[in-house]
Amino acid sequence: MKPLEKPTARVLVMKREPIQREEELVLARRYVLLGIIVRILDHDIRVLHSSEAKLPKLYETMLLGLQDRVLLELAAHRKQLRSKGIEMVEEKRSEDGLEAQYICRGYRHRFILLWGYIRSESEQLLRTYCR
């Protein structure tokens, strides 16, 4: 006869989906940044109309071309957000920066972009579009 063996316990390790993934935060951040860039370009186009530039039509055409590229990327990001179930809820401007809130997997998340960061990232992104 065999001695009685203790039953071994089986531990089920369930992997939980993280509340927020890095790629989702990057996507939401980029979406907000692109929206700001569209507003910057709108502003600059309006200012160009009231300026006494020597070649206003040329500059306006260049800015409108940049704006079209940004709008295309913004639409692609909006589609990605929708496919991942991310909903942008609110954007608040403050003296220090911009706070954005979004919902992902039923949880509300927020991030803050400082104005210095927004300025440098906007310039860098617009430079890449100009190449």
N, C-alpha and C. Protein backbone atom coordinates (compact mmCIF):
# COMPACT_ATOMS: atom_id res chain seq x y z
N MET A 1 0.81 -1.18 0.00
CA MET A 1 0.00 0.00 0.00
C MET A 1 0.86 1.25 0.00
N LYS A 2 0.39 2.25 -0.74
CA LYS A 2 1.10 3.52 -0.82
C LYS A 2 0.67 4.41 0.33
N PRO A 3 1.62 5.14 0.87
CA PRO A 3 1.21 6.09 1.91
C PRO A 3 0.34 7.17 1.28
N LEU A 4 -0.51 7.72 2.06
CA LEU A 4 -1.39 8.78 1.55
C LEU A 4 -0.57 10.01 1.18
N GLU A 5 -0.79 10.46 -0.02
CA GLU A 5 -0.09 11.65 -0.49
C GLU A 5 -0.97 12.85 -0.29
N LYS A 6 -0.33 13.93 0.06
CA LYS A 6 -1.08 15.17 0.20
C LYS A 6 -1.42 15.69 -1.20
N PRO A 7 -2.63 16.11 -1.37
CA PRO A 7 -2.98 16.65 -2.69
C PRO A 7 -2.21 17.95 -2.92
N THR A 8 -1.73 18.11 -4.13
CA THR A 8 -1.01 19.34 -4.46
C THR A 8 -2.01 20.41 -4.88
N ALA A 9 -1.74 21.57 -4.42
CA ALA A 9 -2.64 22.69 -4.77
C ALA A 9 -2.20 23.28 -6.10
N ARG A 10 -3.13 23.52 -6.91
CA ARG A 10 -2.86 24.16 -8.19
C ARG A 10 -3.21 25.63 -8.05
N VAL A 11 -2.28 26.42 -8.38
CA VAL A 11 -2.50 27.87 -8.30
C VAL A 11 -2.74 28.38 -9.70
N LEU A 12 -3.86 29.00 -9.86
CA LEU A 12 -4.16 29.62 -11.14
C LEU A 12 -3.74 31.07 -11.08
N VAL A 13 -2.86 31.41 -11.95
CA VAL A 13 -2.40 32.79 -12.02
C VAL A 13 -3.14 33.44 -13.18
N MET A 14 -3.97 34.37 -12.83
CA MET A 14 -4.72 35.07 -13.87
C MET A 14 -4.02 36.39 -14.16
N LYS A 15 -3.73 36.60 -15.40
CA LYS A 15 -3.11 37.86 -15.78
C LYS A 15 -4.23 38.87 -16.03
N ARG A 16 -4.12 39.93 -15.31
CA ARG A 16 -5.11 40.99 -15.48
C ARG A 16 -4.62 41.98 -16.52
N GLU A 17 -5.56 42.50 -17.23
CA GLU A 17 -5.28 43.55 -18.19
C GLU A 17 -4.91 44.80 -17.41
N PRO A 18 -3.81 45.47 -17.75
CA PRO A 18 -3.47 46.67 -17.00
C PRO A 18 -4.52 47.76 -17.21
N ILE A 19 -4.67 48.59 -16.20
CA ILE A 19 -5.67 49.66 -16.27
C ILE A 19 -5.35 50.60 -17.42
N GLN A 20 -4.08 50.88 -17.60
CA GLN A 20 -3.66 51.78 -18.66
C GLN A 20 -2.34 51.30 -19.24
N ARG A 21 -2.26 51.28 -20.54
CA ARG A 21 -1.03 50.90 -21.21
C ARG A 21 -0.31 52.17 -21.66
N GLU A 22 0.98 52.05 -21.80
CA GLU A 22 1.80 53.19 -22.23
C GLU A 22 1.37 53.67 -23.61
N GLU A 23 1.09 52.73 -24.51
CA GLU A 23 0.71 53.12 -25.88
C GLU A 23 -0.58 53.91 -25.90
N GLU A 24 -1.49 53.63 -24.97
CA GLU A 24 -2.75 54.37 -24.92
C GLU A 24 -2.53 55.79 -24.42
N LEU A 25 -1.65 55.94 -23.45
CA LEU A 25 -1.32 57.27 -22.96
C LEU A 25 -0.64 58.09 -24.05
N VAL A 26 0.28 57.47 -24.77
CA VAL A 26 0.99 58.16 -25.85
C VAL A 26 0.00 58.57 -26.94
N LEU A 27 -0.93 57.71 -27.27
CA LEU A 27 -1.93 58.00 -28.29
C LEU A 27 -2.82 59.17 -27.86
N ALA A 28 -3.27 59.17 -26.62
CA ALA A 28 -4.11 60.26 -26.11
C ALA A 28 -3.33 61.57 -26.08
N ARG A 29 -2.07 61.50 -25.64
CA ARG A 29 -1.23 62.70 -25.58
C ARG A 29 -1.02 63.29 -26.97
N ARG A 30 -0.73 62.42 -27.92
CA ARG A 30 -0.49 62.87 -29.31
C ARG A 30 -1.76 63.48 -29.90
N TYR A 31 -2.91 62.89 -29.60
CA TYR A 31 -4.18 63.40 -30.10
C TYR A 31 -4.41 64.83 -29.60
N VAL A 32 -4.18 65.06 -28.32
CA VAL A 32 -4.35 66.39 -27.75
C VAL A 32 -3.37 67.37 -28.38
N LEU A 33 -2.13 66.94 -28.54
CA LEU A 33 -1.10 67.79 -29.13
C LEU A 33 -1.45 68.17 -30.57
N LEU A 34 -1.96 67.23 -31.34
CA LEU A 34 -2.35 67.52 -32.73
C LEU A 34 -3.49 68.53 -32.77
N GLY A 35 -4.43 68.42 -31.84
CA GLY A 35 -5.52 69.39 -31.77
C GLY A 35 -5.01 70.79 -31.49
N ILE A 36 -4.03 70.90 -30.63
CA ILE A 36 -3.43 72.20 -30.32
C ILE A 36 -2.71 72.75 -31.55
N ILE A 37 -2.01 71.89 -32.28
CA ILE A 37 -1.29 72.33 -33.48
C ILE A 37 -2.26 72.85 -34.52
N VAL A 38 -3.42 72.22 -34.67
CA VAL A 38 -4.43 72.71 -35.61
C VAL A 38 -4.85 74.12 -35.22
N ARG A 39 -5.07 74.35 -33.93
CA ARG A 39 -5.46 75.69 -33.46
C ARG A 39 -4.34 76.71 -33.67
N ILE A 40 -3.09 76.28 -33.47
CA ILE A 40 -1.96 77.18 -33.71
C ILE A 40 -1.91 77.59 -35.18
N LEU A 41 -2.07 76.62 -36.07
CA LEU A 41 -2.03 76.93 -37.50
C LEU A 41 -3.21 77.81 -37.91
N ASP A 42 -4.40 77.56 -37.35
CA ASP A 42 -5.55 78.45 -37.61
C ASP A 42 -5.22 79.88 -37.22
N HIS A 43 -4.64 80.04 -36.05
CA HIS A 43 -4.26 81.37 -35.56
C HIS A 43 -3.27 82.03 -36.49
N ASP A 44 -2.23 81.29 -36.87
CA ASP A 44 -1.20 81.87 -37.72
C ASP A 44 -1.74 82.24 -39.10
N ILE A 45 -2.67 81.47 -39.62
CA ILE A 45 -3.28 81.80 -40.92
C ILE A 45 -4.09 83.08 -40.80
N ARG A 46 -4.84 83.24 -39.71
CA ARG A 46 -5.60 84.47 -39.50
C ARG A 46 -4.68 85.67 -39.35
N VAL A 47 -3.60 85.52 -38.61
CA VAL A 47 -2.63 86.60 -38.42
C VAL A 47 -2.00 86.98 -39.76
N LEU A 48 -1.73 85.99 -40.58
CA LEU A 48 -1.13 86.24 -41.88
C LEU A 48 -2.02 87.11 -42.75
N HIS A 49 -3.32 86.94 -42.65
CA HIS A 49 -4.26 87.76 -43.44
C HIS A 49 -4.18 89.23 -43.07
N SER A 50 -3.93 89.50 -41.81
CA SER A 50 -3.89 90.90 -41.36
C SER A 50 -2.49 91.50 -41.41
N SER A 51 -1.49 90.72 -41.82
CA SER A 51 -0.12 91.22 -41.87
C SER A 51 0.17 91.83 -43.24
N GLU A 52 1.29 92.49 -43.33
CA GLU A 52 1.70 93.10 -44.59
C GLU A 52 2.85 92.30 -45.21
N ALA A 53 2.74 91.00 -45.20
CA ALA A 53 3.77 90.15 -45.78
C ALA A 53 3.82 90.36 -47.29
N LYS A 54 4.98 90.19 -47.85
CA LYS A 54 5.16 90.39 -49.31
C LYS A 54 4.55 89.25 -50.12
N LEU A 55 4.54 88.04 -49.56
CA LEU A 55 4.01 86.87 -50.28
C LEU A 55 2.96 86.16 -49.42
N PRO A 56 1.86 86.82 -49.12
CA PRO A 56 0.89 86.21 -48.20
C PRO A 56 0.25 84.94 -48.75
N LYS A 57 -0.01 84.88 -50.04
CA LYS A 57 -0.65 83.69 -50.61
C LYS A 57 0.27 82.47 -50.52
N LEU A 58 1.55 82.67 -50.75
CA LEU A 58 2.51 81.58 -50.66
C LEU A 58 2.57 81.04 -49.23
N TYR A 59 2.68 81.94 -48.25
CA TYR A 59 2.75 81.52 -46.86
C TYR A 59 1.46 80.85 -46.41
N GLU A 60 0.35 81.39 -46.89
CA GLU A 60 -0.94 80.80 -46.53
C GLU A 60 -1.07 79.39 -47.11
N THR A 61 -0.63 79.21 -48.34
CA THR A 61 -0.67 77.89 -48.97
C THR A 61 0.19 76.90 -48.21
N MET A 62 1.37 77.35 -47.77
CA MET A 62 2.25 76.47 -47.01
C MET A 62 1.62 76.08 -45.68
N LEU A 63 1.04 77.05 -44.99
CA LEU A 63 0.41 76.75 -43.70
C LEU A 63 -0.82 75.87 -43.87
N LEU A 64 -1.59 76.09 -44.93
CA LEU A 64 -2.76 75.24 -45.18
C LEU A 64 -2.34 73.81 -45.51
N GLY A 65 -1.23 73.65 -46.22
CA GLY A 65 -0.70 72.31 -46.51
C GLY A 65 -0.29 71.60 -45.22
N LEU A 66 0.39 72.33 -44.33
CA LEU A 66 0.75 71.75 -43.03
C LEU A 66 -0.50 71.36 -42.25
N GLN A 67 -1.47 72.25 -42.28
CA GLN A 67 -2.71 71.99 -41.54
C GLN A 67 -3.42 70.75 -42.08
N ASP A 68 -3.43 70.57 -43.38
CA ASP A 68 -4.05 69.38 -43.97
C ASP A 68 -3.37 68.10 -43.49
N ARG A 69 -2.05 68.11 -43.44
CA ARG A 69 -1.32 66.93 -42.98
C ARG A 69 -1.63 66.63 -41.51
N VAL A 70 -1.69 67.69 -40.70
CA VAL A 70 -2.00 67.51 -39.28
C VAL A 70 -3.42 66.98 -39.12
N LEU A 71 -4.36 67.52 -39.91
CA LEU A 71 -5.75 67.06 -39.82
C LEU A 71 -5.89 65.59 -40.22
N LEU A 72 -5.12 65.17 -41.22
CA LEU A 72 -5.14 63.75 -41.61
C LEU A 72 -4.65 62.86 -40.48
N GLU A 73 -3.56 63.26 -39.85
CA GLU A 73 -3.04 62.46 -38.73
C GLU A 73 -4.00 62.49 -37.55
N LEU A 74 -4.62 63.64 -37.32
CA LEU A 74 -5.60 63.75 -36.24
C LEU A 74 -6.78 62.80 -36.47
N ALA A 75 -7.24 62.71 -37.70
CA ALA A 75 -8.34 61.80 -38.03
C ALA A 75 -7.92 60.34 -37.81
N ALA A 76 -6.69 60.01 -38.18
CA ALA A 76 -6.19 58.65 -37.98
C ALA A 76 -6.10 58.33 -36.48
N HIS A 77 -5.65 59.30 -35.68
CA HIS A 77 -5.57 59.08 -34.23
C HIS A 77 -6.96 58.94 -33.62
N ARG A 78 -7.91 59.72 -34.11
CA ARG A 78 -9.28 59.62 -33.61
C ARG A 78 -9.84 58.23 -33.88
N LYS A 79 -9.54 57.70 -35.06
CA LYS A 79 -9.99 56.36 -35.42
C LYS A 79 -9.34 55.31 -34.51
N GLN A 80 -8.04 55.46 -34.23
CA GLN A 80 -7.34 54.54 -33.34
C GLN A 80 -7.92 54.60 -31.92
N LEU A 81 -8.19 55.80 -31.45
CA LEU A 81 -8.78 55.95 -30.12
C LEU A 81 -10.10 55.20 -30.03
N ARG A 82 -10.92 55.39 -31.06
CA ARG A 82 -12.22 54.72 -31.08
C ARG A 82 -12.06 53.21 -31.10
N SER A 83 -11.12 52.71 -31.89
CA SER A 83 -10.93 51.25 -32.00
C SER A 83 -10.41 50.66 -30.69
N LYS A 84 -9.69 51.43 -29.90
CA LYS A 84 -9.18 50.95 -28.61
C LYS A 84 -10.13 51.25 -27.45
N GLY A 85 -11.27 51.87 -27.76
CA GLY A 85 -12.26 52.15 -26.73
C GLY A 85 -11.86 53.30 -25.81
N ILE A 86 -11.09 54.22 -26.31
CA ILE A 86 -10.66 55.38 -25.52
C ILE A 86 -11.53 56.57 -25.90
N GLU A 87 -12.04 57.22 -24.89
CA GLU A 87 -12.90 58.39 -25.12
C GLU A 87 -12.27 59.60 -24.44
N MET A 88 -11.97 60.60 -25.23
CA MET A 88 -11.45 61.86 -24.68
C MET A 88 -12.63 62.60 -24.07
N VAL A 89 -12.49 62.99 -22.81
CA VAL A 89 -13.62 63.57 -22.08
C VAL A 89 -13.52 65.08 -21.98
N GLU A 90 -12.36 65.57 -21.55
CA GLU A 90 -12.29 66.99 -21.23
C GLU A 90 -10.86 67.51 -21.38
N GLU A 91 -10.76 68.77 -21.77
CA GLU A 91 -9.48 69.48 -21.80
C GLU A 91 -9.67 70.79 -21.04
N LYS A 92 -8.78 71.04 -20.10
CA LYS A 92 -8.83 72.29 -19.34
C LYS A 92 -7.51 73.01 -19.48
N ARG A 93 -7.58 74.28 -19.82
CA ARG A 93 -6.37 75.09 -19.90
C ARG A 93 -6.16 75.79 -18.56
N SER A 94 -4.90 75.88 -18.17
CA SER A 94 -4.56 76.62 -16.96
C SER A 94 -3.34 77.47 -17.26
N GLU A 95 -2.89 78.16 -16.26
CA GLU A 95 -1.70 79.00 -16.43
C GLU A 95 -0.47 78.16 -16.71
N ASP A 96 -0.40 76.97 -16.12
CA ASP A 96 0.77 76.12 -16.25
C ASP A 96 0.76 75.23 -17.49
N GLY A 97 -0.42 74.84 -17.93
CA GLY A 97 -0.49 73.93 -19.06
C GLY A 97 -1.90 73.51 -19.37
N LEU A 98 -2.03 72.34 -19.95
CA LEU A 98 -3.32 71.82 -20.36
C LEU A 98 -3.54 70.46 -19.71
N GLU A 99 -4.67 70.30 -19.05
CA GLU A 99 -5.02 69.02 -18.43
C GLU A 99 -6.07 68.34 -19.29
N ALA A 100 -5.83 67.10 -19.64
CA ALA A 100 -6.77 66.34 -20.45
C ALA A 100 -7.22 65.11 -19.66
N GLN A 101 -8.49 64.77 -19.81
CA GLN A 101 -9.04 63.58 -19.16
C GLN A 101 -9.64 62.68 -20.24
N TYR A 102 -9.47 61.38 -20.02
CA TYR A 102 -10.03 60.41 -20.95
C TYR A 102 -10.45 59.16 -20.19
N ILE A 103 -11.31 58.37 -20.84
CA ILE A 103 -11.80 57.14 -20.25
C ILE A 103 -11.27 55.98 -21.07
N CYS A 104 -10.68 55.00 -20.37
CA CYS A 104 -10.13 53.81 -21.02
C CYS A 104 -10.44 52.61 -20.13
N ARG A 105 -11.10 51.61 -20.69
CA ARG A 105 -11.49 50.39 -19.97
C ARG A 105 -12.31 50.71 -18.72
N GLY A 106 -13.13 51.72 -18.79
CA GLY A 106 -14.01 52.07 -17.67
C GLY A 106 -13.36 52.92 -16.60
N TYR A 107 -12.07 53.21 -16.74
CA TYR A 107 -11.37 54.04 -15.76
C TYR A 107 -11.09 55.41 -16.34
N ARG A 108 -11.19 56.40 -15.50
CA ARG A 108 -10.91 57.77 -15.91
C ARG A 108 -9.43 58.07 -15.62
N HIS A 109 -8.74 58.58 -16.64
CA HIS A 109 -7.33 58.93 -16.52
C HIS A 109 -7.16 60.40 -16.87
N ARG A 110 -6.05 60.96 -16.41
CA ARG A 110 -5.76 62.35 -16.76
C ARG A 110 -4.25 62.53 -16.90
N PHE A 111 -3.89 63.54 -17.67
CA PHE A 111 -2.50 63.92 -17.79
C PHE A 111 -2.44 65.43 -18.00
N ILE A 112 -1.28 65.98 -17.69
CA ILE A 112 -1.07 67.41 -17.83
C ILE A 112 0.11 67.63 -18.76
N LEU A 113 -0.08 68.50 -19.75
CA LEU A 113 0.99 68.90 -20.64
C LEU A 113 1.34 70.35 -20.31
N LEU A 114 2.58 70.59 -19.93
CA LEU A 114 3.01 71.95 -19.62
C LEU A 114 3.19 72.74 -20.92
N TRP A 115 3.01 74.05 -20.85
CA TRP A 115 3.07 74.87 -22.06
C TRP A 115 4.45 74.80 -22.72
N GLY A 116 5.51 74.72 -21.95
CA GLY A 116 6.84 74.59 -22.53
C GLY A 116 6.98 73.31 -23.34
N TYR A 117 6.43 72.22 -22.80
CA TYR A 117 6.44 70.94 -23.51
C TYR A 117 5.61 71.04 -24.79
N ILE A 118 4.44 71.64 -24.68
CA ILE A 118 3.57 71.78 -25.85
C ILE A 118 4.26 72.59 -26.94
N ARG A 119 4.91 73.69 -26.56
CA ARG A 119 5.59 74.54 -27.53
C ARG A 119 6.71 73.76 -28.24
N SER A 120 7.54 73.09 -27.47
CA SER A 120 8.68 72.39 -28.10
C SER A 120 8.21 71.21 -28.94
N GLU A 121 7.25 70.44 -28.45
CA GLU A 121 6.75 69.29 -29.22
C GLU A 121 6.03 69.74 -30.49
N SER A 122 5.29 70.85 -30.40
CA SER A 122 4.58 71.37 -31.57
C SER A 122 5.58 71.79 -32.65
N GLU A 123 6.62 72.52 -32.24
CA GLU A 123 7.63 72.96 -33.19
C GLU A 123 8.34 71.77 -33.83
N GLN A 124 8.68 70.79 -33.01
CA GLN A 124 9.37 69.60 -33.53
C GLN A 124 8.49 68.84 -34.51
N LEU A 125 7.22 68.68 -34.18
CA LEU A 125 6.31 67.96 -35.07
C LEU A 125 6.09 68.71 -36.38
N LEU A 126 5.95 70.03 -36.29
CA LEU A 126 5.77 70.82 -37.51
C LEU A 126 7.03 70.78 -38.39
N ARG A 127 8.19 70.72 -37.75
CA ARG A 127 9.44 70.58 -38.52
C ARG A 127 9.46 69.28 -39.31
N THR A 128 8.97 68.20 -38.69
CA THR A 128 8.97 66.92 -39.41
C THR A 128 8.00 66.96 -40.59
N TYR A 129 6.91 67.71 -40.45
CA TYR A 129 5.97 67.84 -41.57
C TYR A 129 6.56 68.67 -42.71
N CYS A 130 7.46 69.58 -42.38
CA CYS A 130 8.06 70.45 -43.41
C CYS A 130 9.11 69.74 -44.24
N ARG A 131 9.60 68.63 -43.78
CA ARG A 131 10.66 67.92 -44.52
C ARG A 131 10.13 67.20 -45.72
